[in-house]
Amino acid sequence: MMQLCQKDKERVLNAIKSGHIDAADLSLPNLIDTIVLTMKQKNLLAPLEDCLEDKRSDNKKIPFEILLTLAITAKLKLKFLSL
């Protein structure tokens, strides 16, 4: 799962001071998600898409890039679980 957040520290602090927010939870991003997002930002996933051939004959509604990202994420999770 990917987590997208927009940081607006000033607005949150104002909401806490005015009493609109009375509790908050700290959520740390998953290490694997961080790795995959960094790979995407540094454009490391695009060369993989060029190197690997899409052999699907049907059901091409899901973009190949997303399938590769999901496969990488699943493989990383397997590796981290086996440590």
Protein backbone atom coordinates (compact mmCIF):
# COMPACT_ATOMS: atom_id res chain seq x y z
CA MET A 1 0.00 0.00 0.00
CA MET A 2 1.29 3.43 -0.83
CA GLN A 3 0.70 6.29 1.53
CA LEU A 4 0.38 9.80 0.22
CA CYS A 5 0.41 12.73 2.63
CA GLN A 6 0.35 16.45 2.21
CA LYS A 7 2.31 18.23 4.89
CA ASP A 8 0.76 21.42 6.18
CA LYS A 9 2.33 21.89 9.59
CA GLU A 10 1.05 25.41 10.17
CA ARG A 11 -2.59 24.49 9.52
CA VAL A 12 -2.35 21.45 11.80
CA LEU A 13 -0.79 23.48 14.61
CA ASN A 14 -3.52 26.10 14.29
CA ALA A 15 -6.19 23.38 14.44
CA ILE A 16 -4.60 21.94 17.60
CA LYS A 17 -4.41 25.38 19.23
CA SER A 18 -8.03 26.17 18.39
CA GLY A 19 -9.22 22.82 19.73
CA HIS A 20 -10.38 21.30 16.44
CA ILE A 21 -7.87 18.44 16.80
CA ASP A 22 -7.66 16.78 20.19
CA ALA A 23 -5.68 13.63 19.32
CA ALA A 24 -3.24 12.53 16.66
CA ASP A 25 -1.50 9.33 15.64
CA LEU A 26 2.01 9.18 14.28
CA SER A 27 2.25 6.96 11.23
CA LEU A 28 5.68 5.99 9.98
CA PRO A 29 5.88 4.93 6.33
CA ASN A 30 6.74 1.38 5.55
CA LEU A 31 10.38 0.84 4.59
CA ILE A 32 9.47 -1.08 1.46
CA ASP A 33 7.11 1.67 0.31
CA THR A 34 9.88 4.19 0.87
CA ILE A 35 12.29 2.11 -1.20
CA VAL A 36 9.81 1.75 -4.07
CA LEU A 37 8.92 5.46 -4.01
CA THR A 38 12.61 6.36 -4.08
CA MET A 39 13.12 4.03 -7.04
CA LYS A 40 10.22 5.76 -8.81
CA GLN A 41 11.54 9.25 -8.03
CA LYS A 42 15.03 8.39 -9.26
CA ASN A 43 13.51 6.90 -12.43
CA LEU A 44 14.85 3.39 -11.78
CA LEU A 45 11.59 1.64 -12.65
CA ALA A 46 11.37 2.89 -16.24
CA PRO A 47 14.47 0.98 -17.45
CA LEU A 48 12.98 -2.21 -16.00
CA GLU A 49 9.84 -1.64 -18.01
CA ASP A 50 11.97 -1.29 -21.14
CA CYS A 51 13.99 -4.44 -20.41
CA LEU A 52 11.08 -6.72 -19.63
CA GLU A 53 8.55 -7.72 -22.24
CA ASP A 54 4.84 -7.56 -21.53
CA LYS A 55 3.61 -10.99 -22.61
CA ARG A 56 -0.01 -10.55 -21.59
CA SER A 57 -2.42 -11.25 -24.42
CA ASP A 58 -5.54 -10.13 -22.56
CA ASN A 59 -6.37 -7.99 -19.57
CA LYS A 60 -4.00 -5.13 -20.24
CA LYS A 61 -6.14 -2.72 -18.22
CA ILE A 62 -3.54 -2.60 -15.45
CA PRO A 63 -0.47 -0.74 -16.71
CA PHE A 64 2.70 -2.80 -16.93
CA GLU A 65 4.56 -0.28 -14.75
CA ILE A 66 2.14 -0.91 -11.88
CA LEU A 67 2.52 -4.67 -12.22
CA LEU A 68 6.30 -4.32 -12.04
CA THR A 69 6.01 -2.12 -8.97
CA LEU A 70 3.74 -4.63 -7.27
CA ALA A 71 6.11 -7.48 -8.14
CA ILE A 72 9.09 -5.59 -6.71
CA THR A 73 7.15 -4.76 -3.56
CA ALA A 74 6.09 -8.39 -3.09
CA LYS A 75 9.64 -9.63 -3.61
CA LEU A 76 11.03 -7.13 -1.11
CA LYS A 77 8.41 -8.17 1.45
CA LEU A 78 9.40 -11.81 1.01
CA LYS A 79 13.06 -10.94 1.47
CA PHE A 80 12.42 -8.85 4.58
CA LEU A 81 10.22 -11.54 6.12
CA SER A 82 12.91 -14.17 5.64
CA LEU A 83 15.55 -12.13 7.53
